[in-house]
Structures are given as structure tokens and as C-alpha cells.
């Protein structure tokens, strides 16, 4: 039974978090958490939190064994964008886009 976990509007761009998700796709949950713990990117904490949430959902809601869980799918899509103005010369302004991501983690028992 596939169990999903979502992180909505995480403060990171989808392109950056997809690089992290490529490293853990297809791995066991405990192995993925070990990989995420030693990653240099500070955004790996957000992904680790989502993986732990998916494992907890599987254990508590569906009585699956947490030691046998595997990440079968994970992806990140674009969330909302915060638009901010940055003052420039001659009274003009640049638009700064602060991107957000929606992260989805799917685990299943092997």
C-alpha cells in the first residue's frame, strides 16, 4: 500500500530540491535518512522531515513495518512565488521572485 507525505510551500526552489530527491529515490527509508543527514545542503532537512512523516504515516495509519519501507517515488513541483521589489537606479525597480516548492514522498512496503 502506497503511503504519501506532502510538504507544501517549502522555502526552496523545486529545481534545487529535485537534486536532493534524485539521491534518495528507490532507497530504503533508513538508508535515505542516513544519506540526508550527511548532505551538505541545508535544504536536506526539509526532505528528511518529509521522509520521516511518510514513514510515520505508514506505521501509524496502515500498520506497515517501518524497517521494510522503501521510497518508491518522490518529486517536487513549483509552489507559490513571493514577488518582492528591489530598488534600482533612476527610480526603477527589479522584481525578485522567492520560489517555493511542493514536495511529495511516496513510500511502500517491500
Protein backbone atom coordinates (compact mmCIF):
# COMPACT_ATOMS: atom_id res chain seq x y z
CA UNK A 1 0.00 0.00 0.00
CA UNK A 2 1.48 3.31 -1.06
CA UNK A 3 1.59 6.00 1.60
CA UNK A 4 2.19 9.66 0.73
CA UNK A 5 3.56 12.63 2.59
CA UNK A 6 3.39 16.24 1.41
CA UNK A 7 5.31 19.40 2.21
CA UNK A 8 3.51 22.43 0.85
CA UNK A 9 5.32 25.69 0.09
CA UNK A 10 8.75 24.68 1.37
CA UNK A 11 11.14 27.67 1.17
CA UNK A 12 13.36 26.24 -1.57
CA UNK A 13 13.09 26.15 -5.35
CA UNK A 14 11.85 22.92 -6.93
CA UNK A 15 14.95 22.67 -9.10
CA UNK A 16 17.26 22.61 -6.05
CA UNK A 17 15.19 20.11 -4.08
CA UNK A 18 14.87 17.74 -7.07
CA UNK A 19 18.67 17.33 -6.99
CA UNK A 20 18.33 16.09 -3.41
CA UNK A 21 15.37 13.84 -4.23
CA UNK A 22 17.34 12.17 -7.04
CA UNK A 23 19.80 10.88 -4.44
CA UNK A 24 17.18 9.06 -2.32
CA UNK A 25 14.72 7.77 -4.92
CA UNK A 26 14.39 3.96 -4.68
CA UNK A 27 16.31 3.64 -1.38
CA UNK A 28 15.07 2.21 1.91
CA UNK A 29 13.81 4.82 4.39
CA UNK A 30 16.56 4.34 6.95
CA UNK A 31 19.22 4.45 4.23
CA UNK A 32 17.67 7.62 2.76
CA UNK A 33 17.65 9.32 6.16
CA UNK A 34 21.34 8.49 6.59
CA UNK A 35 22.13 9.99 3.19
CA UNK A 36 20.14 13.13 4.00
CA UNK A 37 21.79 13.51 7.40
CA UNK A 38 25.25 13.81 5.86
CA UNK A 39 24.32 16.01 2.89
CA UNK A 40 25.91 19.44 2.84
CA UNK A 41 22.76 21.21 1.62
CA UNK A 42 20.70 22.78 4.43
CA UNK A 43 17.55 22.00 2.43
CA UNK A 44 18.08 18.28 3.03
CA UNK A 45 16.50 18.79 6.47
CA UNK A 46 13.17 19.67 4.84
CA UNK A 47 13.29 16.50 2.74
CA UNK A 48 14.29 14.39 5.77
CA UNK A 49 11.30 15.73 7.67
CA UNK A 50 9.00 14.70 4.81
CA UNK A 51 10.54 11.19 4.66
CA UNK A 52 10.10 10.75 8.42
CA UNK A 53 6.50 11.93 8.09
CA UNK A 54 5.76 9.40 5.34
CA UNK A 55 7.28 6.59 7.41
CA UNK A 56 5.24 7.63 10.46
CA UNK A 57 2.05 7.77 8.37
CA UNK A 58 2.71 4.25 7.09
CA UNK A 59 3.42 2.89 10.56
CA UNK A 60 0.57 4.55 12.45
CA UNK A 61 -2.22 4.66 9.86
CA UNK A 62 -1.62 1.42 7.92
CA UNK A 63 0.36 -0.75 10.41
CA UNK A 64 3.27 -1.23 7.98
CA UNK A 65 6.69 -2.27 9.25
CA UNK A 66 8.95 0.84 9.23
CA UNK A 67 12.10 -1.27 8.64
CA UNK A 68 10.70 -2.62 5.36
CA UNK A 69 9.64 0.71 3.84
CA UNK A 70 11.16 1.91 0.56
CA UNK A 71 10.82 5.27 -1.19
CA UNK A 72 9.11 4.34 -4.45
CA UNK A 73 8.56 7.86 -5.77
CA UNK A 74 9.45 11.42 -4.83
CA UNK A 75 9.14 14.67 -6.70
CA UNK A 76 8.97 18.42 -6.21
CA UNK A 77 6.80 20.84 -8.11
CA UNK A 78 6.56 24.61 -8.15
CA UNK A 79 4.71 26.21 -5.27
CA UNK A 80 3.62 29.80 -4.97
CA UNK A 81 6.11 32.58 -5.66
CA UNK A 82 6.59 35.58 -3.44
CA UNK A 83 7.33 38.66 -5.51
CA UNK A 84 9.40 41.42 -3.94
CA UNK A 85 10.65 44.69 -5.35
CA UNK A 86 14.32 45.63 -5.26
CA UNK A 87 15.08 49.34 -5.81
CA UNK A 88 17.40 50.14 -8.71
CA UNK A 89 18.91 53.27 -10.20
CA UNK A 90 16.84 56.12 -11.69
CA UNK A 91 13.72 55.25 -9.73
CA UNK A 92 13.23 51.86 -11.33
CA UNK A 93 12.68 48.52 -9.59
CA UNK A 94 13.55 44.87 -10.19
CA UNK A 95 11.24 42.04 -9.26
CA UNK A 96 12.79 39.39 -7.01
CA UNK A 97 10.94 36.05 -7.07
CA UNK A 98 11.24 33.95 -3.93
CA UNK A 99 10.35 30.48 -5.15
CA UNK A 100 8.63 27.77 -3.13
CA UNK A 101 8.26 24.03 -3.73
CA UNK A 102 5.63 21.36 -3.08
CA UNK A 103 7.43 18.13 -2.15
CA UNK A 104 5.76 14.70 -2.35
CA UNK A 105 7.24 11.50 -0.91
CA UNK A 106 5.66 8.07 -1.60
CA UNK A 107 6.72 5.04 0.45
CA UNK A 108 5.69 1.41 0.13
CA UNK A 109 6.48 -1.82 1.94
CA UNK A 110 8.84 -4.19 0.15
